[in-house]
Structures are given as C-alpha cells and as structure tokens.
Amino acid sequence: MSTYRIRFPGTGTLIEEAILKGRGDSRGEDILRVLRVRGIEVPDAVRERVGSCDDLDVLGTWLDRAVTVGSADELFVEPAGA
C-alpha cells in the first residue's frame, strides 16, 4: 500500500516552480500590455528586463507603477521618500 504525501507550497517541486514561473511570465506580459494600452513606447531594454524578471514582488511593483508612469523607464525608478 502506497502512502500519499501532500506537498505544501514552498517545497520547490518542479510543478510548483513551473506554476510560479508562469505567474511571472503572465505578470510581465500584463505590465507590457498596460504600457502599450496607455500608448507608452517600450524600448527593447525595458521589454527584456521585464521579461527576464521572475520575482513576483518586483513584478507586482512594476505592474502598479505601469498604471501611472510617464515612460517605460520610470518602472524601475524608486519613488522619492521610499
């Protein structure tokens, strides 16, 4: 008789890593889409930096900023007083 073991988040399984990577990819695409819809030009360097980031917290910050920035480069600038 085999024993079923539950895998909790944070165990580093291949499936979990793939899911988290997929979330990062999606969030990066969302950032670029927000900028595009707002009519903001996205240089290749910005597209590459966003596309290569897999830190969900950083991507979340950039997504929040994408709603208000005046240029794509402003995604990476820390607000004054932060």
PDB file of N, CA and C in Angstrom:
ATOM      1  N   MET A   1       0.851  -1.173   0.000  1.00  0.00           N
ATOM      2  CA  MET A   1       0.000   0.000   0.000  1.00  0.00           C
ATOM      3  C   MET A   1       0.897   1.236   0.000  1.00  0.00           C
ATOM      4  N   SER A   2       0.647   2.155  -0.930  1.00  0.00           N
ATOM      5  CA  SER A   2       1.469   3.360  -1.004  1.00  0.00           C
ATOM      6  C   SER A   2       0.871   4.458  -0.122  1.00  0.00           C
ATOM      7  N   THR A   3       1.736   5.337   0.291  1.00  0.00           N
ATOM      8  CA  THR A   3       1.319   6.446   1.139  1.00  0.00           C
ATOM      9  C   THR A   3       1.311   7.724   0.304  1.00  0.00           C
ATOM     10  N   TYR A   4       0.248   8.478   0.396  1.00  0.00           N
ATOM     11  CA  TYR A   4       0.143   9.744  -0.317  1.00  0.00           C
ATOM     12  C   TYR A   4       0.650  10.856   0.587  1.00  0.00           C
ATOM     13  N   ARG A   5       1.597  11.623   0.070  1.00  0.00           N
ATOM     14  CA  ARG A   5       2.138  12.737   0.842  1.00  0.00           C
ATOM     15  C   ARG A   5       1.722  14.047   0.185  1.00  0.00           C
ATOM     16  N   ILE A   6       1.146  14.913   0.971  1.00  0.00           N
ATOM     17  CA  ILE A   6       0.733  16.223   0.475  1.00  0.00           C
ATOM     18  C   ILE A   6       1.966  17.110   0.374  1.00  0.00           C
ATOM     19  N   ARG A   7       2.076  17.806  -0.716  1.00  0.00           N
ATOM     20  CA  ARG A   7       3.186  18.751  -0.904  1.00  0.00           C
ATOM     21  C   ARG A   7       2.638  20.164  -0.696  1.00  0.00           C
ATOM     22  N   PHE A   8       3.138  20.820   0.323  1.00  0.00           N
ATOM     23  CA  PHE A   8       2.711  22.183   0.604  1.00  0.00           C
ATOM     24  C   PHE A   8       3.512  23.170  -0.238  1.00  0.00           C
ATOM     25  N   PRO A   9       2.945  24.355  -0.486  1.00  0.00           N
ATOM     26  CA  PRO A   9       3.695  25.381  -1.222  1.00  0.00           C
ATOM     27  C   PRO A   9       5.028  25.666  -0.529  1.00  0.00           C
ATOM     28  N   GLY A  10       6.022  25.919  -1.352  1.00  0.00           N
ATOM     29  CA  GLY A  10       7.334  26.219  -0.808  1.00  0.00           C
ATOM     30  C   GLY A  10       8.251  25.014  -0.751  1.00  0.00           C
ATOM     31  N   THR A  11       7.775  23.869  -1.247  1.00  0.00           N
ATOM     32  CA  THR A  11       8.609  22.675  -1.197  1.00  0.00           C
ATOM     33  C   THR A  11       9.553  22.592  -2.377  1.00  0.00           C
ATOM     34  N   GLY A  12       9.388  23.484  -3.371  1.00  0.00           N
ATOM     35  CA  GLY A  12      10.304  23.518  -4.504  1.00  0.00           C
ATOM     36  C   GLY A  12      10.113  22.411  -5.519  1.00  0.00           C
ATOM     37  N   THR A  13       8.909  21.867  -5.624  1.00  0.00           N
ATOM     38  CA  THR A  13       8.671  20.829  -6.620  1.00  0.00           C
ATOM     39  C   THR A  13       8.740  21.435  -8.018  1.00  0.00           C
ATOM     40  N   LEU A  14       8.987  20.612  -9.003  1.00  0.00           N
ATOM     41  CA  LEU A  14       9.047  21.082 -10.384  1.00  0.00           C
ATOM     42  C   LEU A  14       7.726  21.709 -10.818  1.00  0.00           C
ATOM     43  N   ILE A  15       6.629  21.111 -10.394  1.00  0.00           N
ATOM     44  CA  ILE A  15       5.314  21.641 -10.749  1.00  0.00           C
ATOM     45  C   ILE A  15       5.122  23.020 -10.137  1.00  0.00           C
ATOM     46  N   GLU A  16       5.479  23.171  -8.868  1.00  0.00           N
ATOM     47  CA  GLU A  16       5.337  24.469  -8.205  1.00  0.00           C
ATOM     48  C   GLU A  16       6.210  25.524  -8.884  1.00  0.00           C
ATOM     49  N   GLU A  17       7.426  25.163  -9.210  1.00  0.00           N
ATOM     50  CA  GLU A  17       8.318  26.104  -9.876  1.00  0.00           C
ATOM     51  C   GLU A  17       7.769  26.518 -11.230  1.00  0.00           C
ATOM     52  N   ALA A  18       7.170  25.589 -11.962  1.00  0.00           N
ATOM     53  CA  ALA A  18       6.586  25.901 -13.263  1.00  0.00           C
ATOM     54  C   ALA A  18       5.389  26.839 -13.114  1.00  0.00           C
ATOM     55  N   ILE A  19       4.573  26.611 -12.097  1.00  0.00           N
ATOM     56  CA  ILE A  19       3.418  27.473 -11.856  1.00  0.00           C
ATOM     57  C   ILE A  19       3.874  28.881 -11.518  1.00  0.00           C
ATOM     58  N   LEU A  20       4.861  29.000 -10.626  1.00  0.00           N
ATOM     59  CA  LEU A  20       5.363  30.316 -10.247  1.00  0.00           C
ATOM     60  C   LEU A  20       6.005  31.020 -11.433  1.00  0.00           C
ATOM     61  N   LYS A  21       6.730  30.290 -12.257  1.00  0.00           N
ATOM     62  CA  LYS A  21       7.339  30.874 -13.448  1.00  0.00           C
ATOM     63  C   LYS A  21       6.251  31.370 -14.383  1.00  0.00           C
ATOM     64  N   GLY A  22       5.194  30.602 -14.536  1.00  0.00           N
ATOM     65  CA  GLY A  22       4.075  31.008 -15.379  1.00  0.00           C
ATOM     66  C   GLY A  22       3.409  32.275 -14.873  1.00  0.00           C
ATOM     67  N   ARG A  23       3.298  32.410 -13.563  1.00  0.00           N
ATOM     68  CA  ARG A  23       2.724  33.625 -12.988  1.00  0.00           C
ATOM     69  C   ARG A  23       3.612  34.821 -13.300  1.00  0.00           C
ATOM     70  N   GLY A  24       4.913  34.630 -13.190  1.00  0.00           N
ATOM     71  CA  GLY A  24       5.841  35.706 -13.500  1.00  0.00           C
ATOM     72  C   GLY A  24       5.770  36.117 -14.953  1.00  0.00           C
ATOM     73  N   ASP A  25       5.698  35.125 -15.840  1.00  0.00           N
ATOM     74  CA  ASP A  25       5.590  35.418 -17.273  1.00  0.00           C
ATOM     75  C   ASP A  25       4.324  36.211 -17.548  1.00  0.00           C
ATOM     76  N   SER A  26       3.231  35.791 -16.948  1.00  0.00           N
ATOM     77  CA  SER A  26       1.952  36.448 -17.159  1.00  0.00           C
ATOM     78  C   SER A  26       1.980  37.877 -16.630  1.00  0.00           C
ATOM     79  N   ARG A  27       2.565  38.057 -15.464  1.00  0.00           N
ATOM     80  CA  ARG A  27       2.613  39.397 -14.886  1.00  0.00           C
ATOM     81  C   ARG A  27       3.473  40.320 -15.745  1.00  0.00           C
ATOM     82  N   GLY A  28       4.573  39.797 -16.271  1.00  0.00           N
ATOM     83  CA  GLY A  28       5.412  40.593 -17.168  1.00  0.00           C
ATOM     84  C   GLY A  28       4.645  41.007 -18.409  1.00  0.00           C
ATOM     85  N   GLU A  29       3.878  40.077 -18.962  1.00  0.00           N
ATOM     86  CA  GLU A  29       3.050  40.388 -20.129  1.00  0.00           C
ATOM     87  C   GLU A  29       2.007  41.448 -19.778  1.00  0.00           C
ATOM     88  N   ASP A  30       1.466  41.372 -18.563  1.00  0.00           N
ATOM     89  CA  ASP A  30       0.472  42.355 -18.124  1.00  0.00           C
ATOM     90  C   ASP A  30       1.088  43.752 -18.040  1.00  0.00           C
ATOM     91  N   ILE A  31       2.293  43.845 -17.531  1.00  0.00           N
ATOM     92  CA  ILE A  31       2.991  45.135 -17.428  1.00  0.00           C
ATOM     93  C   ILE A  31       3.151  45.743 -18.812  1.00  0.00           C
ATOM     94  N   LEU A  32       3.654  44.950 -19.735  1.00  0.00           N
ATOM     95  CA  LEU A  32       3.875  45.447 -21.093  1.00  0.00           C
ATOM     96  C   LEU A  32       2.555  45.822 -21.762  1.00  0.00           C
ATOM     97  N   ARG A  33       1.502  45.083 -21.482  1.00  0.00           N
ATOM     98  CA  ARG A  33       0.196  45.387 -22.070  1.00  0.00           C
ATOM     99  C   ARG A  33      -0.356  46.712 -21.541  1.00  0.00           C
ATOM    100  N   VAL A  34      -0.230  46.931 -20.238  1.00  0.00           N
ATOM    101  CA  VAL A  34      -0.701  48.194 -19.660  1.00  0.00           C
ATOM    102  C   VAL A  34       0.020  49.365 -20.316  1.00  0.00           C
ATOM    103  N   LEU A  35       1.329  49.238 -20.453  1.00  0.00           N
ATOM    104  CA  LEU A  35       2.097  50.317 -21.090  1.00  0.00           C
ATOM    105  C   LEU A  35       1.641  50.525 -22.528  1.00  0.00           C
ATOM    106  N   ARG A  36       1.436  49.434 -23.263  1.00  0.00           N
ATOM    107  CA  ARG A  36       1.018  49.529 -24.662  1.00  0.00           C
ATOM    108  C   ARG A  36      -0.355  50.194 -24.779  1.00  0.00           C
ATOM    109  N   VAL A  37      -1.299  49.779 -23.946  1.00  0.00           N
ATOM    110  CA  VAL A  37      -2.649  50.337 -23.987  1.00  0.00           C
ATOM    111  C   VAL A  37      -2.623  51.828 -23.645  1.00  0.00           C
ATOM    112  N   ARG A  38      -1.716  52.215 -22.766  1.00  0.00           N
ATOM    113  CA  ARG A  38      -1.592  53.631 -22.404  1.00  0.00           C
ATOM    114  C   ARG A  38      -0.838  54.424 -23.459  1.00  0.00           C
ATOM    115  N   GLY A  39      -0.339  53.756 -24.498  1.00  0.00           N
ATOM    116  CA  GLY A  39       0.365  54.448 -25.570  1.00  0.00           C
ATOM    117  C   GLY A  39       1.810  54.782 -25.244  1.00  0.00           C
ATOM    118  N   ILE A  40       2.377  54.077 -24.276  1.00  0.00           N
ATOM    119  CA  ILE A  40       3.756  54.323 -23.868  1.00  0.00           C
ATOM    120  C   ILE A  40       4.682  53.402 -24.650  1.00  0.00           C
ATOM    121  N   GLU A  41       5.675  53.984 -25.277  1.00  0.00           N
ATOM    122  CA  GLU A  41       6.655  53.220 -26.045  1.00  0.00           C
ATOM    123  C   GLU A  41       7.516  52.398 -25.087  1.00  0.00           C
ATOM    124  N   VAL A  42       7.746  51.156 -25.453  1.00  0.00           N
ATOM    125  CA  VAL A  42       8.543  50.257 -24.613  1.00  0.00           C
ATOM    126  C   VAL A  42       9.814  49.872 -25.366  1.00  0.00           C
ATOM    127  N   PRO A  43      10.960  50.429 -24.932  1.00  0.00           N
ATOM    128  CA  PRO A  43      12.230  50.068 -25.566  1.00  0.00           C
ATOM    129  C   PRO A  43      12.556  48.590 -25.336  1.00  0.00           C
ATOM    130  N   ASP A  44      13.375  48.041 -26.219  1.00  0.00           N
ATOM    131  CA  ASP A  44      13.757  46.631 -26.101  1.00  0.00           C
ATOM    132  C   ASP A  44      14.405  46.324 -24.754  1.00  0.00           C
ATOM    133  N   ALA A  45      15.206  47.252 -24.224  1.00  0.00           N
ATOM    134  CA  ALA A  45      15.878  47.027 -22.941  1.00  0.00           C
ATOM    135  C   ALA A  45      14.865  46.855 -21.814  1.00  0.00           C
ATOM    136  N   VAL A  46      13.794  47.629 -21.830  1.00  0.00           N
ATOM    137  CA  VAL A  46      12.749  47.519 -20.813  1.00  0.00           C
ATOM    138  C   VAL A  46      11.996  46.206 -20.999  1.00  0.00           C
ATOM    139  N   ARG A  47      11.657  45.885 -22.240  1.00  0.00           N
ATOM    140  CA  ARG A  47      10.953  44.630 -22.540  1.00  0.00           C
ATOM    141  C   ARG A  47      11.770  43.429 -22.047  1.00  0.00           C
ATOM    142  N   GLU A  48      13.073  43.471 -22.276  1.00  0.00           N
ATOM    143  CA  GLU A  48      13.947  42.373 -21.855  1.00  0.00           C
ATOM    144  C   GLU A  48      14.040  42.283 -20.335  1.00  0.00           C
ATOM    145  N   ARG A  49      14.159  43.437 -19.666  1.00  0.00           N
ATOM    146  CA  ARG A  49      14.265  43.429 -18.202  1.00  0.00           C
ATOM    147  C   ARG A  49      12.988  42.899 -17.566  1.00  0.00           C
ATOM    148  N   VAL A  50      11.851  43.349 -18.050  1.00  0.00           N
ATOM    149  CA  VAL A  50      10.575  42.867 -17.519  1.00  0.00           C
ATOM    150  C   VAL A  50      10.408  41.381 -17.818  1.00  0.00           C
ATOM    151  N   GLY A  51      10.740  40.968 -19.032  1.00  0.00           N
ATOM    152  CA  GLY A  51      10.580  39.570 -19.422  1.00  0.00           C
ATOM    153  C   GLY A  51      11.500  38.606 -18.707  1.00  0.00           C
ATOM    154  N   SER A  52      12.637  39.090 -18.235  1.00  0.00           N
ATOM    155  CA  SER A  52      13.590  38.198 -17.573  1.00  0.00           C
ATOM    156  C   SER A  52      13.425  38.166 -16.055  1.00  0.00           C
ATOM    157  N   CYS A  53      12.582  39.027 -15.519  1.00  0.00           N
ATOM    158  CA  CYS A  53      12.375  39.067 -14.064  1.00  0.00           C
ATOM    159  C   CYS A  53      11.423  37.952 -13.651  1.00  0.00           C
ATOM    160  N   ASP A  54      11.794  37.227 -12.594  1.00  0.00           N
ATOM    161  CA  ASP A  54      10.903  36.180 -12.085  1.00  0.00           C
ATOM    162  C   ASP A  54      10.532  36.391 -10.619  1.00  0.00           C
ATOM    163  N   ASP A  55      10.813  37.580 -10.096  1.00  0.00           N
ATOM    164  CA  ASP A  55      10.465  37.934  -8.717  1.00  0.00           C
ATOM    165  C   ASP A  55       9.055  38.529  -8.727  1.00  0.00           C
ATOM    166  N   LEU A  56       8.091  37.793  -8.187  1.00  0.00           N
ATOM    167  CA  LEU A  56       6.696  38.227  -8.239  1.00  0.00           C
ATOM    168  C   LEU A  56       6.456  39.534  -7.496  1.00  0.00           C
ATOM    169  N   ASP A  57       7.200  39.789  -6.422  1.00  0.00           N
ATOM    170  CA  ASP A  57       7.036  41.045  -5.694  1.00  0.00           C
ATOM    171  C   ASP A  57       7.490  42.226  -6.540  1.00  0.00           C
ATOM    172  N   VAL A  58       8.632  42.079  -7.195  1.00  0.00           N
ATOM    173  CA  VAL A  58       9.149  43.140  -8.068  1.00  0.00           C
ATOM    174  C   VAL A  58       8.195  43.361  -9.232  1.00  0.00           C
ATOM    175  N   LEU A  59       7.742  42.285  -9.841  1.00  0.00           N
ATOM    176  CA  LEU A  59       6.801  42.403 -10.958  1.00  0.00           C
ATOM    177  C   LEU A  59       5.505  43.083 -10.517  1.00  0.00           C
ATOM    178  N   GLY A  60       5.056  42.785  -9.314  1.00  0.00           N
ATOM    179  CA  GLY A  60       3.859  43.431  -8.783  1.00  0.00           C
ATOM    180  C   GLY A  60       4.049  44.930  -8.629  1.00  0.00           C
ATOM    181  N   THR A  61       5.222  45.321  -8.139  1.00  0.00           N
ATOM    182  CA  THR A  61       5.542  46.743  -8.001  1.00  0.00           C
ATOM    183  C   THR A  61       5.551  47.414  -9.361  1.00  0.00           C
ATOM    184  N   TRP A  62       6.190  46.777 -10.331  1.00  0.00           N
ATOM    185  CA  TRP A  62       6.245  47.343 -11.680  1.00  0.00           C
ATOM    186  C   TRP A  62       4.857  47.434 -12.297  1.00  0.00           C
ATOM    187  N   LEU A  63       4.008  46.438 -12.045  1.00  0.00           N
ATOM    188  CA  LEU A  63       2.646  46.473 -12.575  1.00  0.00           C
ATOM    189  C   LEU A  63       1.881  47.658 -11.987  1.00  0.00           C
ATOM    190  N   ASP A  64       2.021  47.879 -10.684  1.00  0.00           N
ATOM    191  CA  ASP A  64       1.382  49.030 -10.050  1.00  0.00           C
ATOM    192  C   ASP A  64       1.865  50.333 -10.682  1.00  0.00           C
ATOM    193  N   ARG A  65       3.156  50.431 -10.912  1.00  0.00           N
ATOM    194  CA  ARG A  65       3.733  51.648 -11.486  1.00  0.00           C
ATOM    195  C   ARG A  65       3.322  51.835 -12.942  1.00  0.00           C
ATOM    196  N   ALA A  66       3.111  50.737 -13.667  1.00  0.00           N
ATOM    197  CA  ALA A  66       2.761  50.826 -15.092  1.00  0.00           C
ATOM    198  C   ALA A  66       1.482  51.624 -15.311  1.00  0.00           C
ATOM    199  N   VAL A  67       0.647  51.693 -14.311  1.00  0.00           N
ATOM    200  CA  VAL A  67      -0.618  52.396 -14.426  1.00  0.00           C
ATOM    201  C   VAL A  67      -0.427  53.919 -14.444  1.00  0.00           C
ATOM    202  N   THR A  68       0.682  54.398 -13.843  1.00  0.00           N
ATOM    203  CA  THR A  68       0.832  55.844 -13.683  1.00  0.00           C
ATOM    204  C   THR A  68       2.085  56.445 -14.306  1.00  0.00           C
ATOM    205  N   VAL A  69       3.061  55.633 -14.702  1.00  0.00           N
ATOM    206  CA  VAL A  69       4.326  56.194 -15.202  1.00  0.00           C
ATOM    207  C   VAL A  69       4.121  56.958 -16.507  1.00  0.00           C
ATOM    208  N   GLY A  70       5.053  57.892 -16.760  1.00  0.00           N
ATOM    209  CA  GLY A  70       5.012  58.655 -17.999  1.00  0.00           C
ATOM    210  C   GLY A  70       5.871  58.053 -19.088  1.00  0.00           C
ATOM    211  N   SER A  71       6.815  57.179 -18.687  1.00  0.00           N
ATOM    212  CA  SER A  71       7.660  56.474 -19.647  1.00  0.00           C
ATOM    213  C   SER A  71       7.979  55.098 -19.089  1.00  0.00           C
ATOM    214  N   ALA A  72       8.329  54.186 -19.967  1.00  0.00           N
ATOM    215  CA  ALA A  72       8.603  52.811 -19.546  1.00  0.00           C
ATOM    216  C   ALA A  72       9.790  52.739 -18.587  1.00  0.00           C
ATOM    217  N   ASP A  73      10.784  53.610 -18.774  1.00  0.00           N
ATOM    218  CA  ASP A  73      11.955  53.601 -17.894  1.00  0.00           C
ATOM    219  C   ASP A  73      11.609  53.933 -16.446  1.00  0.00           C
ATOM    220  N   GLU A  74      10.511  54.640 -16.238  1.00  0.00           N
ATOM    221  CA  GLU A  74      10.093  55.017 -14.888  1.00  0.00           C
ATOM    222  C   GLU A  74       9.642  53.815 -14.051  1.00  0.00           C
ATOM    223  N   LEU A  75       9.408  52.679 -14.690  1.00  0.00           N
ATOM    224  CA  LEU A  75       9.038  51.473 -13.931  1.00  0.00           C
ATOM    225  C   LEU A  75      10.093  51.147 -12.883  1.00  0.00           C
ATOM    226  N   PHE A  76      11.347  51.429 -13.210  1.00  0.00           N
ATOM    227  CA  PHE A  76      12.461  50.983 -12.389  1.00  0.00           C
ATOM    228  C   PHE A  76      12.967  52.037 -11.409  1.00  0.00           C
ATOM    229  N   VAL A  77      12.331  53.202 -11.391  1.00  0.00           N
ATOM    230  CA  VAL A  77      12.767  54.296 -10.532  1.00  0.00           C
ATOM    231  C   VAL A  77      12.002  54.247  -9.229  1.00  0.00           C
ATOM    232  N   GLU A  78      12.747  54.201  -8.115  1.00  0.00           N
ATOM    233  CA  GLU A  78      12.108  54.218  -6.802  1.00  0.00           C
ATOM    234  C   GLU A  78      11.519  55.604  -6.549  1.00  0.00           C
ATOM    235  N   PRO A  79      10.279  55.673  -6.082  1.00  0.00           N
ATOM    236  CA  PRO A  79       9.675  56.973  -5.795  1.00  0.00           C
ATOM    237  C   PRO A  79      10.437  57.680  -4.672  1.00  0.00           C
ATOM    238  N   ALA A  80      10.450  58.995  -4.707  1.00  0.00           N
ATOM    239  CA  ALA A  80      11.106  59.772  -3.666  1.00  0.00           C
ATOM    240  C   ALA A  80      10.453  59.489  -2.322  1.00  0.00           C
ATOM    241  N   GLY A  81      11.277  59.328  -1.302  1.00  0.00           N
ATOM    242  CA  GLY A  81      10.775  59.064   0.041  1.00  0.00           C
ATOM    243  C   GLY A  81      10.475  57.612   0.308  1.00  0.00           C
ATOM    244  N   ALA A  82      10.809  56.730  -0.636  1.00  0.00           N
ATOM    245  CA  ALA A  82      10.522  55.300  -0.434  1.00  0.00           C
ATOM    246  C   ALA A  82      11.643  54.605   0.288  1.00  0.00           C
TER     247      ALA A  82
END
